Amino acid sequence: MSAYAPGVAVTYRQNLGDYELHDLNTGDVLEVRDESLGTDTLAVYAKDGTLRVYDQNTGAVLTDTVVAPIEGLQRTDLYGRRRLGLAA
């Protein structure tokens, strides 16, 4: 397991060399483009453009949106507002 918040887990698929998000409440599985652990948050950017941010303590979804894909994207960086020096 790569990352966890109550109700969700990100797992590594060694045979394919990528990650999946498992929603343990709904059974949904998304292929992950990138995931990031912040201060009390888990941010997950799925290959379908879904961007979700979870509270690591409660599992509550703080953000659930769709981001337009970037052609040829090789790497992403997910930064929380605190890390960028912005107000929470």
C-alpha atoms as a PDB file:
ATOM      1  CA  MET A   1       0.000   0.000   0.000  1.00  0.00           C
ATOM      2  CA  SER A   2       1.379   3.378  -0.994  1.00  0.00           C
ATOM      3  CA  ALA A   3      -1.024   5.663   0.905  1.00  0.00           C
ATOM      4  CA  TYR A   4      -4.115   5.404   3.086  1.00  0.00           C
ATOM      5  CA  ALA A   5      -6.910   7.521   4.502  1.00  0.00           C
ATOM      6  CA  PRO A   6      -9.990   6.060   6.212  1.00  0.00           C
ATOM      7  CA  GLY A   7     -12.097   4.552   3.429  1.00  0.00           C
ATOM      8  CA  VAL A   8      -9.490   4.820   0.644  1.00  0.00           C
ATOM      9  CA  ALA A   9      -6.177   3.188  -0.204  1.00  0.00           C
ATOM     10  CA  VAL A  10      -3.613   3.711  -2.954  1.00  0.00           C
ATOM     11  CA  THR A  11      -1.888   0.505  -4.008  1.00  0.00           C
ATOM     12  CA  TYR A  12       1.050  -0.206  -6.286  1.00  0.00           C
ATOM     13  CA  ARG A  13       0.561  -2.729  -9.088  1.00  0.00           C
ATOM     14  CA  GLN A  14       4.038  -4.180  -9.446  1.00  0.00           C
ATOM     15  CA  ASN A  15       3.237  -6.154 -12.600  1.00  0.00           C
ATOM     16  CA  LEU A  16       2.090  -2.953 -14.373  1.00  0.00           C
ATOM     17  CA  GLY A  17       4.316  -0.426 -12.607  1.00  0.00           C
ATOM     18  CA  ASP A  18       1.507   1.959 -11.685  1.00  0.00           C
ATOM     19  CA  TYR A  19      -0.925   2.784  -8.889  1.00  0.00           C
ATOM     20  CA  GLU A  20      -4.651   2.406  -8.205  1.00  0.00           C
ATOM     21  CA  LEU A  21      -6.997   4.234  -5.841  1.00  0.00           C
ATOM     22  CA  HIS A  22      -9.443   1.931  -4.066  1.00  0.00           C
ATOM     23  CA  ASP A  23     -12.534   3.545  -2.560  1.00  0.00           C
ATOM     24  CA  LEU A  24     -13.304   1.053   0.197  1.00  0.00           C
ATOM     25  CA  ASN A  25     -16.817   2.460   0.683  1.00  0.00           C
ATOM     26  CA  THR A  26     -18.072   2.336  -2.924  1.00  0.00           C
ATOM     27  CA  GLY A  27     -15.753  -0.267  -4.431  1.00  0.00           C
ATOM     28  CA  ASP A  28     -14.614   2.200  -7.124  1.00  0.00           C
ATOM     29  CA  VAL A  29     -11.089   1.697  -8.483  1.00  0.00           C
ATOM     30  CA  LEU A  30      -9.266   4.463 -10.390  1.00  0.00           C
ATOM     31  CA  GLU A  31      -5.914   4.319 -12.161  1.00  0.00           C
ATOM     32  CA  VAL A  32      -3.667   6.909 -10.524  1.00  0.00           C
ATOM     33  CA  ARG A  33      -1.458   9.401 -12.357  1.00  0.00           C
ATOM     34  CA  ASP A  34      -0.002  10.862  -9.141  1.00  0.00           C
ATOM     35  CA  GLU A  35      -0.615  10.893  -5.395  1.00  0.00           C
ATOM     36  CA  SER A  36       0.772  13.073  -2.668  1.00  0.00           C
ATOM     37  CA  LEU A  37       0.702  12.992   1.111  1.00  0.00           C
ATOM     38  CA  GLY A  38       0.469  16.406   2.726  1.00  0.00           C
ATOM     39  CA  THR A  39      -0.084  17.578   6.253  1.00  0.00           C
ATOM     40  CA  ASP A  40      -3.179  15.536   7.145  1.00  0.00           C
ATOM     41  CA  THR A  41      -4.209  15.164   3.483  1.00  0.00           C
ATOM     42  CA  LEU A  42      -3.966  12.640   0.689  1.00  0.00           C
ATOM     43  CA  ALA A  43      -4.241  14.114  -2.820  1.00  0.00           C
ATOM     44  CA  VAL A  44      -4.897  11.749  -5.726  1.00  0.00           C
ATOM     45  CA  TYR A  45      -4.854  12.704  -9.425  1.00  0.00           C
ATOM     46  CA  ALA A  46      -6.379   9.879 -11.453  1.00  0.00           C
ATOM     47  CA  LYS A  47      -5.680   9.133 -15.107  1.00  0.00           C
ATOM     48  CA  ASP A  48      -9.307   9.982 -15.946  1.00  0.00           C
ATOM     49  CA  GLY A  49      -8.703  13.564 -14.728  1.00  0.00           C
ATOM     50  CA  THR A  50     -10.368  13.115 -11.334  1.00  0.00           C
ATOM     51  CA  LEU A  51      -8.625  15.081  -8.578  1.00  0.00           C
ATOM     52  CA  ARG A  52      -9.589  14.181  -5.027  1.00  0.00           C
ATOM     53  CA  VAL A  53      -8.143  15.378  -1.755  1.00  0.00           C
ATOM     54  CA  TYR A  54      -8.943  13.356   1.356  1.00  0.00           C
ATOM     55  CA  ASP A  55      -8.553  14.229   5.024  1.00  0.00           C
ATOM     56  CA  GLN A  56      -6.143  11.570   6.351  1.00  0.00           C
ATOM     57  CA  ASN A  57      -7.693  11.571   9.798  1.00  0.00           C
ATOM     58  CA  THR A  58     -11.366  11.218   8.865  1.00  0.00           C
ATOM     59  CA  GLY A  59     -11.349  10.122   5.212  1.00  0.00           C
ATOM     60  CA  ALA A  60     -13.643  13.040   4.339  1.00  0.00           C
ATOM     61  CA  VAL A  61     -13.383  14.219   0.734  1.00  0.00           C
ATOM     62  CA  LEU A  62     -12.102  17.807   0.847  1.00  0.00           C
ATOM     63  CA  THR A  63     -11.927  18.258  -2.938  1.00  0.00           C
ATOM     64  CA  ASP A  64     -13.544  16.247  -5.719  1.00  0.00           C
ATOM     65  CA  THR A  65     -13.190  17.751  -9.173  1.00  0.00           C
ATOM     66  CA  VAL A  66     -12.088  16.939 -12.701  1.00  0.00           C
ATOM     67  CA  VAL A  67      -8.933  18.469 -14.168  1.00  0.00           C
ATOM     68  CA  ALA A  68      -8.455  18.671 -17.925  1.00  0.00           C
ATOM     69  CA  PRO A  69      -5.688  16.279 -18.959  1.00  0.00           C
ATOM     70  CA  ILE A  70      -2.372  17.699 -20.072  1.00  0.00           C
ATOM     71  CA  GLU A  71      -1.122  16.094 -23.272  1.00  0.00           C
ATOM     72  CA  GLY A  72       2.159  14.247 -22.863  1.00  0.00           C
ATOM     73  CA  LEU A  73       2.187  14.711 -19.090  1.00  0.00           C
ATOM     74  CA  GLN A  74       5.044  12.739 -17.580  1.00  0.00           C
ATOM     75  CA  ARG A  75       5.020  13.997 -13.996  1.00  0.00           C
ATOM     76  CA  THR A  76       2.832  16.021 -11.666  1.00  0.00           C
ATOM     77  CA  ASP A  77       3.426  17.692  -8.335  1.00  0.00           C
ATOM     78  CA  LEU A  78       0.521  18.112  -5.954  1.00  0.00           C
ATOM     79  CA  TYR A  79       1.168  20.800  -3.359  1.00  0.00           C
ATOM     80  CA  GLY A  80      -1.118  21.811  -0.535  1.00  0.00           C
ATOM     81  CA  ARG A  81      -1.875  25.461   0.208  1.00  0.00           C
ATOM     82  CA  ARG A  82       0.372  25.403   3.301  1.00  0.00           C
ATOM     83  CA  ARG A  83       3.348  24.085   1.329  1.00  0.00           C
ATOM     84  CA  LEU A  84       2.888  26.917  -1.187  1.00  0.00           C
ATOM     85  CA  GLY A  85       2.806  29.476   1.603  1.00  0.00           C
ATOM     86  CA  LEU A  86      -0.898  30.265   1.107  1.00  0.00           C
ATOM     87  CA  ALA A  87      -3.541  30.536   3.800  1.00  0.00           C
ATOM     88  CA  ALA A  88      -5.234  27.244   4.631  1.00  0.00           C
END
